[in-house]
Amino acid sequence: MSHLDLVTLLVDDLDRTKAFYIDLLGFEEVPEFSRGSSFSWLRSKKRSASIALFNAAEKAGRPTVAHIPNESGGVMLGFEVEDADAVYQEWKARGDIPLRTDVFDMGKGRTFGSMDPSGNFIQVFDVYPHFREIQRRIGMD
């Protein structure tokens, strides 16, 4: 089982885009999961899916976003699962799902990149227990 937890947007102006979502749509930044001018995690005050803003100029070295073309609108849907390694192995065994990356450690959990049948970019991830506890403590569960 999974749930849509994160929509990643590759943006040219992180500060301006962040202000748009905060000032006009009522999101709030989660400092515990943000990284200065390269990555900002925003969550809805109503606790729906979160939005991650990723500085498009820095995407080259990040496996799940590195090869997302700007023409796609720079959007990637993120689905949280219990065990990203197990899901990766299941999808790989099927042989009919385009896997964009191997599974790897993203620092706060494990993740891999894929695509749906229509070519939409997908990230599947889990969260390490320590960071899951931080999410609970700050009301992100």
C-alpha atoms as a PDB file:
ATOM      1  CA  MET A   1       0.000   0.000   0.000  1.00  0.00           C
ATOM      2  CA  SER A   2       1.093   3.547  -0.670  1.00  0.00           C
ATOM      3  CA  HIS A   3      -0.319   7.030  -0.546  1.00  0.00           C
ATOM      4  CA  LEU A   4       0.450  10.200  -2.449  1.00  0.00           C
ATOM      5  CA  ASP A   5       2.630  12.058  -0.006  1.00  0.00           C
ATOM      6  CA  LEU A   6       4.692  14.438  -2.082  1.00  0.00           C
ATOM      7  CA  VAL A   7       4.576  16.391  -5.334  1.00  0.00           C
ATOM      8  CA  THR A   8       8.041  17.612  -6.359  1.00  0.00           C
ATOM      9  CA  LEU A   9       8.265  20.688  -8.554  1.00  0.00           C
ATOM     10  CA  LEU A  10      11.534  21.602 -10.284  1.00  0.00           C
ATOM     11  CA  VAL A  11      11.624  25.397 -10.120  1.00  0.00           C
ATOM     12  CA  ASP A  12      13.807  28.162 -11.533  1.00  0.00           C
ATOM     13  CA  ASP A  13      13.186  30.602  -8.652  1.00  0.00           C
ATOM     14  CA  LEU A  14      12.829  28.702  -5.392  1.00  0.00           C
ATOM     15  CA  ASP A  15      12.282  31.748  -3.157  1.00  0.00           C
ATOM     16  CA  ARG A  16       9.584  33.256  -5.355  1.00  0.00           C
ATOM     17  CA  THR A  17       7.812  29.924  -5.829  1.00  0.00           C
ATOM     18  CA  LYS A  18       7.997  29.160  -2.106  1.00  0.00           C
ATOM     19  CA  ALA A  19       6.449  32.566  -1.323  1.00  0.00           C
ATOM     20  CA  PHE A  20       3.628  31.833  -3.797  1.00  0.00           C
ATOM     21  CA  TYR A  21       2.636  28.590  -2.055  1.00  0.00           C
ATOM     22  CA  ILE A  22       3.056  30.034   1.448  1.00  0.00           C
ATOM     23  CA  ASP A  23       1.495  33.471   0.943  1.00  0.00           C
ATOM     24  CA  LEU A  24      -1.261  32.633  -1.519  1.00  0.00           C
ATOM     25  CA  LEU A  25      -2.160  29.015  -0.770  1.00  0.00           C
ATOM     26  CA  GLY A  26      -1.442  28.768   2.955  1.00  0.00           C
ATOM     27  CA  PHE A  27       1.337  26.174   2.937  1.00  0.00           C
ATOM     28  CA  GLU A  28       4.081  26.279   5.557  1.00  0.00           C
ATOM     29  CA  GLU A  29       7.737  25.354   5.239  1.00  0.00           C
ATOM     30  CA  VAL A  30       9.059  22.382   7.216  1.00  0.00           C
ATOM     31  CA  PRO A  31      12.577  23.477   8.238  1.00  0.00           C
ATOM     32  CA  GLU A  32      13.533  19.982   9.442  1.00  0.00           C
ATOM     33  CA  PHE A  33      13.239  18.692   5.862  1.00  0.00           C
ATOM     34  CA  SER A  34      14.341  21.770   3.868  1.00  0.00           C
ATOM     35  CA  ARG A  35      17.838  22.723   2.635  1.00  0.00           C
ATOM     36  CA  GLY A  36      18.340  26.456   2.143  1.00  0.00           C
ATOM     37  CA  SER A  37      18.235  27.597  -1.471  1.00  0.00           C
ATOM     38  CA  SER A  38      18.218  24.115  -3.016  1.00  0.00           C
ATOM     39  CA  PHE A  39      15.189  22.344  -1.514  1.00  0.00           C
ATOM     40  CA  SER A  40      12.110  23.414   0.405  1.00  0.00           C
ATOM     41  CA  TRP A  41       9.518  21.031   1.844  1.00  0.00           C
ATOM     42  CA  LEU A  42       6.106  22.653   2.146  1.00  0.00           C
ATOM     43  CA  ARG A  43       3.073  21.140   3.795  1.00  0.00           C
ATOM     44  CA  SER A  44      -0.545  22.049   3.733  1.00  0.00           C
ATOM     45  CA  LYS A  45      -1.953  23.225   7.035  1.00  0.00           C
ATOM     46  CA  LYS A  46      -4.837  20.826   6.303  1.00  0.00           C
ATOM     47  CA  ARG A  47      -2.388  17.863   5.931  1.00  0.00           C
ATOM     48  CA  SER A  48      -2.862  16.721   2.409  1.00  0.00           C
ATOM     49  CA  ALA A  49       0.074  15.843   0.199  1.00  0.00           C
ATOM     50  CA  SER A  50       3.160  17.989   0.636  1.00  0.00           C
ATOM     51  CA  ILE A  51       4.962  19.985  -2.050  1.00  0.00           C
ATOM     52  CA  ALA A  52       8.732  19.844  -2.432  1.00  0.00           C
ATOM     53  CA  LEU A  53      10.356  22.680  -4.342  1.00  0.00           C
ATOM     54  CA  PHE A  54      13.666  21.631  -5.853  1.00  0.00           C
ATOM     55  CA  ASN A  55      16.037  24.132  -7.434  1.00  0.00           C
ATOM     56  CA  ALA A  56      16.146  22.932 -11.062  1.00  0.00           C
ATOM     57  CA  ALA A  57      19.682  24.309 -11.488  1.00  0.00           C
ATOM     58  CA  GLU A  58      20.911  21.746  -8.948  1.00  0.00           C
ATOM     59  CA  LYS A  59      19.106  18.657 -10.261  1.00  0.00           C
ATOM     60  CA  ALA A  60      22.039  17.129 -12.191  1.00  0.00           C
ATOM     61  CA  GLY A  61      23.517  15.260  -9.238  1.00  0.00           C
ATOM     62  CA  ARG A  62      20.201  14.007  -7.802  1.00  0.00           C
ATOM     63  CA  PRO A  63      19.220  10.613  -9.227  1.00  0.00           C
ATOM     64  CA  THR A  64      15.424  10.850  -9.017  1.00  0.00           C
ATOM     65  CA  VAL A  65      15.219  14.319 -10.604  1.00  0.00           C
ATOM     66  CA  ALA A  66      18.392  14.441 -12.734  1.00  0.00           C
ATOM     67  CA  HIS A  67      16.824  13.470 -16.058  1.00  0.00           C
ATOM     68  CA  ILE A  68      13.358  14.945 -15.728  1.00  0.00           C
ATOM     69  CA  PRO A  69      13.088  17.205 -18.769  1.00  0.00           C
ATOM     70  CA  ASN A  70      11.910  20.766 -18.317  1.00  0.00           C
ATOM     71  CA  GLU A  71       9.355  20.072 -21.053  1.00  0.00           C
ATOM     72  CA  SER A  72       7.539  17.760 -18.630  1.00  0.00           C
ATOM     73  CA  GLY A  73       6.745  20.732 -16.436  1.00  0.00           C
ATOM     74  CA  GLY A  74       9.278  19.481 -13.904  1.00  0.00           C
ATOM     75  CA  VAL A  75       6.723  17.500 -11.886  1.00  0.00           C
ATOM     76  CA  MET A  76       7.306  14.253 -10.002  1.00  0.00           C
ATOM     77  CA  LEU A  77       4.739  12.489  -7.822  1.00  0.00           C
ATOM     78  CA  GLY A  78       6.112  10.913  -4.635  1.00  0.00           C
ATOM     79  CA  PHE A  79       4.484   7.870  -3.068  1.00  0.00           C
ATOM     80  CA  GLU A  80       5.412   6.771   0.425  1.00  0.00           C
ATOM     81  CA  VAL A  81       5.541   3.025   1.023  1.00  0.00           C
ATOM     82  CA  GLU A  82       6.559   0.860   3.972  1.00  0.00           C
ATOM     83  CA  ASP A  83       9.642  -0.611   2.260  1.00  0.00           C
ATOM     84  CA  ALA A  84      11.066   1.011  -0.876  1.00  0.00           C
ATOM     85  CA  ASP A  85      13.564  -1.824  -1.415  1.00  0.00           C
ATOM     86  CA  ALA A  86      10.791  -4.433  -1.455  1.00  0.00           C
ATOM     87  CA  VAL A  87       8.642  -2.385  -3.854  1.00  0.00           C
ATOM     88  CA  TYR A  88      11.646  -1.840  -6.124  1.00  0.00           C
ATOM     89  CA  GLN A  89      12.360  -5.583  -6.266  1.00  0.00           C
ATOM     90  CA  GLU A  90       8.684  -6.345  -6.951  1.00  0.00           C
ATOM     91  CA  TRP A  91       8.493  -3.793  -9.778  1.00  0.00           C
ATOM     92  CA  LYS A  92      11.826  -4.930 -11.235  1.00  0.00           C
ATOM     93  CA  ALA A  93      10.661  -8.567 -11.239  1.00  0.00           C
ATOM     94  CA  ARG A  94       7.546  -7.598 -13.194  1.00  0.00           C
ATOM     95  CA  GLY A  95       9.728  -6.382 -16.061  1.00  0.00           C
ATOM     96  CA  ASP A  96       7.087  -4.041 -17.500  1.00  0.00           C
ATOM     97  CA  ILE A  97       7.622  -0.950 -15.332  1.00  0.00           C
ATOM     98  CA  PRO A  98      10.224   1.601 -16.435  1.00  0.00           C
ATOM     99  CA  LEU A  99      12.628   2.038 -13.515  1.00  0.00           C
ATOM    100  CA  ARG A 100      14.598   5.292 -13.815  1.00  0.00           C
ATOM    101  CA  THR A 101      17.035   4.680 -10.939  1.00  0.00           C
ATOM    102  CA  ASP A 102      18.176   1.942  -8.652  1.00  0.00           C
ATOM    103  CA  VAL A 103      16.989   2.151  -5.061  1.00  0.00           C
ATOM    104  CA  PHE A 104      19.321   4.316  -2.961  1.00  0.00           C
ATOM    105  CA  ASP A 105      19.659   6.071   0.387  1.00  0.00           C
ATOM    106  CA  MET A 106      18.329   9.657   0.273  1.00  0.00           C
ATOM    107  CA  GLY A 107      19.470  10.428   3.805  1.00  0.00           C
ATOM    108  CA  LYS A 108      16.033  10.293   5.418  1.00  0.00           C
ATOM    109  CA  GLY A 109      14.965   7.000   3.859  1.00  0.00           C
ATOM    110  CA  ARG A 110      15.283   4.848   0.748  1.00  0.00           C
ATOM    111  CA  THR A 111      13.967   5.814  -2.676  1.00  0.00           C
ATOM    112  CA  PHE A 112      13.929   5.055  -6.380  1.00  0.00           C
ATOM    113  CA  GLY A 113      12.621   6.719  -9.518  1.00  0.00           C
ATOM    114  CA  SER A 114      10.176   5.226 -11.988  1.00  0.00           C
ATOM    115  CA  MET A 115       7.549   6.239 -14.535  1.00  0.00           C
ATOM    116  CA  ASP A 116       3.888   5.403 -14.928  1.00  0.00           C
ATOM    117  CA  PRO A 117       2.612   3.951 -18.245  1.00  0.00           C
ATOM    118  CA  SER A 118       1.971   7.461 -19.604  1.00  0.00           C
ATOM    119  CA  GLY A 119       5.503   8.660 -18.860  1.00  0.00           C
ATOM    120  CA  ASN A 120       4.742  10.652 -15.704  1.00  0.00           C
ATOM    121  CA  PHE A 121       7.667  10.742 -13.288  1.00  0.00           C
ATOM    122  CA  ILE A 122       7.233   8.832 -10.024  1.00  0.00           C
ATOM    123  CA  GLN A 123       9.326   8.643  -6.868  1.00  0.00           C
ATOM    124  CA  VAL A 124       8.728   5.794  -4.431  1.00  0.00           C
ATOM    125  CA  PHE A 125      10.200   6.212  -0.969  1.00  0.00           C
ATOM    126  CA  ASP A 126      10.158   5.143   2.641  1.00  0.00           C
ATOM    127  CA  VAL A 127      11.206   7.099   5.717  1.00  0.00           C
ATOM    128  CA  TYR A 128      13.646   5.871   8.373  1.00  0.00           C
ATOM    129  CA  PRO A 129      12.091   5.429  11.842  1.00  0.00           C
ATOM    130  CA  HIS A 130      14.076   8.343  13.320  1.00  0.00           C
ATOM    131  CA  PHE A 131      12.713  10.749  10.716  1.00  0.00           C
ATOM    132  CA  ARG A 132       9.240   9.225  10.996  1.00  0.00           C
ATOM    133  CA  GLU A 133       9.377  10.212  14.683  1.00  0.00           C
ATOM    134  CA  ILE A 134      10.345  13.784  13.727  1.00  0.00           C
ATOM    135  CA  GLN A 135       7.362  13.849  11.345  1.00  0.00           C
ATOM    136  CA  ARG A 136       5.059  12.708  14.147  1.00  0.00           C
ATOM    137  CA  ARG A 137       6.491  15.249  16.566  1.00  0.00           C
ATOM    138  CA  ILE A 138       5.859  18.157  14.199  1.00  0.00           C
ATOM    139  CA  GLY A 139       2.431  16.924  13.089  1.00  0.00           C
ATOM    140  CA  MET A 140       3.243  15.452   9.686  1.00  0.00           C
ATOM    141  CA  ASP A 141       1.781  12.005  10.323  1.00  0.00           C
END
